[in-house]
Each structure stands twice: as C-alpha cells, then as structure tokens.
Protein backbone atom coordinates (compact mmCIF):
# COMPACT_ATOMS: atom_id res chain seq x y z
CA MET A 1 51.62 16.24 11.48
CA ASP A 2 50.29 16.18 8.41
CA LEU A 3 48.26 13.00 7.33
CA ILE A 4 51.24 11.70 4.89
CA GLU A 5 53.58 11.91 7.86
CA GLN A 6 50.85 10.23 10.04
CA LEU A 7 50.23 8.04 7.26
CA VAL A 8 54.25 6.70 7.56
CA SER A 9 54.29 6.37 11.32
CA CYS A 10 51.22 5.08 11.06
CA SER A 11 53.00 2.06 8.55
CA GLU A 12 55.69 2.20 10.69
CA SER A 13 53.93 0.85 13.60
CA LEU A 14 52.30 -1.52 12.20
CA LEU A 15 55.17 -3.02 9.96
CA GLU A 16 56.92 -3.82 12.83
CA VAL A 17 53.92 -5.60 14.79
CA LEU A 18 53.80 -7.71 12.03
CA GLN A 19 57.31 -8.16 12.21
CA HIS A 20 57.48 -9.71 15.69
CA SER A 21 56.28 -13.08 16.11
CA ALA A 22 54.13 -12.98 18.92
CA ASP A 23 53.31 -15.45 21.45
CA GLU A 24 49.90 -14.17 22.08
CA ARG A 25 48.37 -13.85 18.41
CA ASP A 26 44.88 -12.31 19.35
CA LYS A 27 46.89 -9.41 20.70
CA GLN A 28 48.64 -9.48 17.75
CA VAL A 29 45.92 -9.95 15.63
CA GLU A 30 43.73 -7.31 17.49
CA LYS A 31 46.79 -4.74 17.23
CA VAL A 32 47.00 -5.03 13.82
CA GLU A 33 43.14 -4.39 13.24
CA GLN A 34 43.39 -1.03 14.85
CA LEU A 35 46.39 0.09 13.21
CA LEU A 36 44.79 -1.20 9.78
CA ALA A 37 41.67 0.90 11.00
CA LYS A 38 43.89 4.01 11.56
CA ARG A 39 45.67 4.08 8.55
CA GLU A 40 41.97 3.20 6.53
CA LYS A 41 40.91 6.64 8.29
CA ILE A 42 44.28 8.63 7.26
CA ILE A 43 44.51 7.21 3.38
CA ALA A 44 40.30 8.38 2.93
CA ARG A 45 41.40 12.31 4.27
CA LEU A 46 44.06 11.66 1.69
CA LYS A 47 41.77 10.59 -0.57
CA GLN A 48 39.56 13.77 0.07
CA GLY A 49 42.08 16.14 0.91
CA SER A 50 43.71 18.13 -2.37
CA TYR A 51 47.34 16.01 -2.39
CA GLU A 52 47.67 15.90 -6.26
CA ASN A 53 51.56 15.80 -6.29
CA LEU A 54 51.47 13.37 -3.04
CA HIS A 55 53.80 11.23 -5.46
CA GLN A 56 56.01 14.07 -5.47
CA HIS A 57 56.13 13.94 -1.99
CA PRO A 58 59.95 12.93 -0.53
CA GLN A 59 58.28 9.80 1.64
CA ALA A 60 56.20 8.73 -0.62
CA ARG A 61 58.77 5.98 -2.06
CA LYS A 62 59.33 5.00 1.67
CA ILE A 63 55.73 4.32 1.69
CA VAL A 64 54.86 1.93 -1.20
CA GLU A 65 58.09 0.46 0.26
CA MET A 66 56.75 -0.28 3.89
CA GLU A 67 53.26 -1.00 2.04
CA GLN A 68 55.16 -4.15 0.21
CA ASP A 69 56.43 -5.23 3.51
CA ILE A 70 52.82 -4.56 5.36
CA GLN A 71 51.04 -6.84 2.50
CA LYS A 72 54.30 -9.73 2.78
CA GLY A 73 53.45 -9.72 6.68
CA LEU A 74 49.98 -9.72 6.31
CA ARG A 75 49.69 -12.71 4.28
CA ARG A 76 52.34 -14.12 6.77
CA LEU A 77 49.60 -13.86 9.85
CA TYR A 78 47.32 -15.20 7.50
CA GLU A 79 48.57 -18.52 6.88
CA ASP A 80 50.05 -18.68 10.38
CA ILE A 81 46.90 -18.82 11.37
CA LYS A 82 45.18 -20.84 8.44
CA MET A 83 47.78 -23.24 9.46
CA ASP A 84 46.75 -23.40 13.03
CA LEU A 85 42.59 -23.54 12.37
CA LYS A 86 43.94 -26.79 10.08
CA ARG A 87 45.75 -28.07 12.62
CA TRP A 88 43.00 -27.52 15.05
CA ASN A 89 40.42 -29.24 12.73
CA GLU A 90 42.55 -32.27 12.53
CA LYS A 91 43.11 -32.52 15.98
CA LYS A 92 39.06 -32.36 16.55
CA ARG A 93 38.72 -34.96 14.08
CA LEU A 94 41.28 -37.45 15.28
CA GLN A 95 40.02 -36.69 18.80
CA GLN A 96 36.07 -37.73 17.60
CA SER A 97 37.48 -40.81 15.69
CA TYR A 98 39.04 -42.15 19.64
CA GLU A 99 35.45 -41.44 20.89
CA ASN A 100 33.46 -42.82 18.41
CA THR A 101 35.58 -45.68 16.56
CA PHE A 102 33.55 -47.69 14.61
CA SER A 103 31.43 -44.64 12.88
CA TYR A 104 34.32 -44.55 10.17
CA VAL A 105 33.39 -48.12 9.45
CA GLU A 106 32.10 -48.58 5.86
CA THR A 107 30.39 -52.15 6.91
CA TYR A 108 28.16 -52.28 9.60
CA ASP A 109 27.12 -55.41 10.30
CA GLY A 110 30.24 -57.24 9.25
CA ARG A 111 29.27 -58.96 5.93
CA PHE A 112 31.70 -59.72 3.15
CA TYR A 113 30.10 -59.60 -0.43
CA ASP A 114 32.43 -61.42 -3.16
CA LYS A 115 32.48 -59.11 -6.04
CA ARG A 116 33.81 -61.64 -8.19
CA LYS A 117 30.94 -64.62 -10.16
C-alpha cells in the first residue's frame, strides 16, 4: 500500500469517527487524536518523497473532499466541547452562588445612600 492509499484509508477512518456522535466523548477525542497523528506522519512522509504529480493521482480529488468534511467534523467536535465546558462553568458558578449566597451582594453592611441632593 503506497502512501496515498494509506492517507485515503486513514482519512476515511477519521471521517467515520467524526461523523458518529459518540456517547463517550473522551474515547472519541482520543481516537481522533491518534488518527490525526497518523495522518500527520503520512503527510510528512509524502512531503519528503518525490510526489511531484500528486495532483494527477486518481484519488487526489477524494482526499481534498474528505479534508473539507474532516475540517467540518473537527470544528463541530470543538464547538460541542466548548459548549459543554461553558455549561459546566455555569453550573459551577451557580453552585458556588448557592453555597455562598451573600458573596455577590454589592452592599455588605446594609446601608443605603441616596444619590439625590
């Protein structure tokens, strides 16, 4: 199997992992990281080799199309993680406000100042 076929198969498996929403996101992220590292090694070896006519390879168009889908999948995964983190921080803030109810009160001594003259 040459490098281009390895790149295609690795990209297909990465795309498959990204398209299926996993119940356990930690395992999904770990698998994505492994496949991205593998793809990076293959691409580095492709750059080292003498593949001048890579654009003329029959599977070059397929690789480009898969790359766009992979980018969309990675962006979606990033946004999902970002939203989960935002929800978690909001829950954490709400829990702290319930535990220490008076920490966010502006006036600590109960005085009121009238600003009118």
